Amino acid sequence: MNIDFSAKKGVVVFNAFSLNKEITLGEQVHELREDMLQIEFPDGYILDIGWRPSFDVNGKFYIYLIREFDWERPVYSESAKDIDSLEAKVNQAINKL
């Protein structure tokens, strides 16, 4: 994924995202895990990205924008089946900041 989180002062606090857009997700199934990427932003925002179910090519990415650790009521919640859609939805989440 090629997104500049620093424009909104995002700090990557966890990064296990090592997918390659040029390779099918099926060939990278060992990289599809529930916890992939987490970025902290000012004012108590967290962007969380993962894949569920882990290691299952039939799963999907989940994107959550959380404020003040309120995981029950995300500011933004979406899913994506491929990396291109994931990037678009991450940008939508960032635009909510």
Protein backbone atom coordinates (compact mmCIF):
# COMPACT_ATOMS: atom_id res chain seq x y z
CA MET A 1 0.00 0.00 0.00
CA ASN A 2 1.32 3.39 -0.94
CA ILE A 3 -0.41 5.95 1.27
CA ASP A 4 1.26 8.89 3.01
CA PHE A 5 -0.19 8.96 6.52
CA SER A 6 2.10 11.81 7.58
CA ALA A 7 -0.05 14.41 5.79
CA LYS A 8 -2.57 13.99 8.63
CA LYS A 9 0.23 13.50 11.20
CA GLY A 10 -0.29 9.74 11.36
CA VAL A 11 2.28 7.61 13.14
CA VAL A 12 2.54 3.91 12.30
CA VAL A 13 2.52 2.02 15.60
CA PHE A 14 2.19 -1.50 14.18
CA ASN A 15 3.10 -2.69 10.70
CA ALA A 16 2.88 -6.28 9.52
CA PHE A 17 1.55 -5.27 6.09
CA SER A 18 3.85 -6.81 3.52
CA LEU A 19 1.51 -7.56 0.62
CA ASN A 20 2.64 -7.01 -2.96
CA LYS A 21 0.03 -5.65 -5.40
CA GLU A 22 1.74 -7.47 -8.24
CA ILE A 23 1.10 -10.92 -6.70
CA THR A 24 -2.31 -12.50 -6.16
CA LEU A 25 -3.62 -12.63 -2.61
CA GLY A 26 -3.81 -16.42 -2.95
CA GLU A 27 -0.04 -16.51 -3.38
CA GLN A 28 0.37 -14.39 -0.24
CA VAL A 29 -2.20 -16.11 1.97
CA HIS A 30 0.41 -16.52 4.74
CA GLU A 31 0.47 -12.68 5.02
CA LEU A 32 -3.31 -12.30 5.44
CA ARG A 33 -3.76 -11.83 9.17
CA GLU A 34 -6.17 -10.12 11.51
CA ASP A 35 -3.65 -7.54 12.69
CA MET A 36 -1.82 -5.94 9.78
CA LEU A 37 -1.48 -2.19 10.25
CA GLN A 38 -2.32 0.39 12.89
CA ILE A 39 -1.77 4.14 12.66
CA GLU A 40 -2.34 6.70 15.41
CA PHE A 41 -3.49 10.20 14.53
CA PRO A 42 -3.94 13.33 16.66
CA ASP A 43 -7.10 13.80 18.74
CA GLY A 44 -7.32 10.15 19.75
CA TYR A 45 -7.88 8.58 16.32
CA ILE A 46 -6.63 5.12 15.38
CA LEU A 47 -6.78 3.58 11.90
CA ASP A 48 -6.80 -0.21 12.13
CA ILE A 49 -6.44 -2.56 9.14
CA GLY A 50 -6.62 -6.33 9.15
CA TRP A 51 -7.83 -9.41 7.28
CA ARG A 52 -10.48 -11.84 8.51
CA PRO A 53 -10.47 -14.70 8.76
CA SER A 54 -6.69 -14.88 9.01
CA PHE A 55 -4.88 -16.90 6.37
CA ASP A 56 -8.08 -17.50 4.37
CA VAL A 57 -8.04 -16.12 0.82
CA ASN A 58 -11.86 -16.03 0.91
CA GLY A 59 -11.81 -13.40 3.68
CA LYS A 60 -11.52 -9.66 3.31
CA PHE A 61 -9.75 -6.60 4.62
CA TYR A 62 -11.41 -4.64 7.42
CA ILE A 63 -10.74 -0.95 7.88
CA TYR A 64 -11.73 0.83 11.10
CA LEU A 65 -11.25 4.42 12.15
CA ILE A 66 -11.66 4.59 15.91
CA ARG A 67 -11.76 7.61 18.22
CA GLU A 68 -10.87 7.53 21.90
CA PHE A 69 -10.65 3.69 21.86
CA ASP A 70 -14.41 3.36 21.25
CA TRP A 71 -14.26 0.15 19.21
CA GLU A 72 -18.02 -0.32 19.61
CA ARG A 73 -18.78 2.83 17.59
CA PRO A 74 -16.18 3.34 14.86
CA VAL A 75 -16.06 6.68 13.07
CA TYR A 76 -15.56 4.69 9.86
CA SER A 77 -15.93 0.97 9.17
CA GLU A 78 -15.55 -0.69 5.78
CA SER A 79 -14.22 -3.81 4.08
CA ALA A 80 -12.38 -4.59 0.85
CA LYS A 81 -11.57 -7.72 -1.14
CA ASP A 82 -8.38 -6.48 -2.87
CA ILE A 83 -5.51 -4.07 -2.34
CA ASP A 84 -6.79 -1.44 -4.80
CA SER A 85 -10.15 -1.25 -3.00
CA LEU A 86 -8.33 -1.26 0.33
CA GLU A 87 -6.29 1.79 -0.66
CA ALA A 88 -9.42 3.66 -1.77
CA LYS A 89 -11.23 2.88 1.47
CA VAL A 90 -8.24 3.80 3.63
CA ASN A 91 -8.19 7.17 1.87
CA GLN A 92 -11.91 7.56 2.60
CA ALA A 93 -11.22 6.84 6.27
CA ILE A 94 -8.38 9.37 6.38
CA ASN A 95 -10.67 11.99 4.86
CA LYS A 96 -12.92 11.62 7.94
CA LEU A 97 -10.15 13.05 10.14
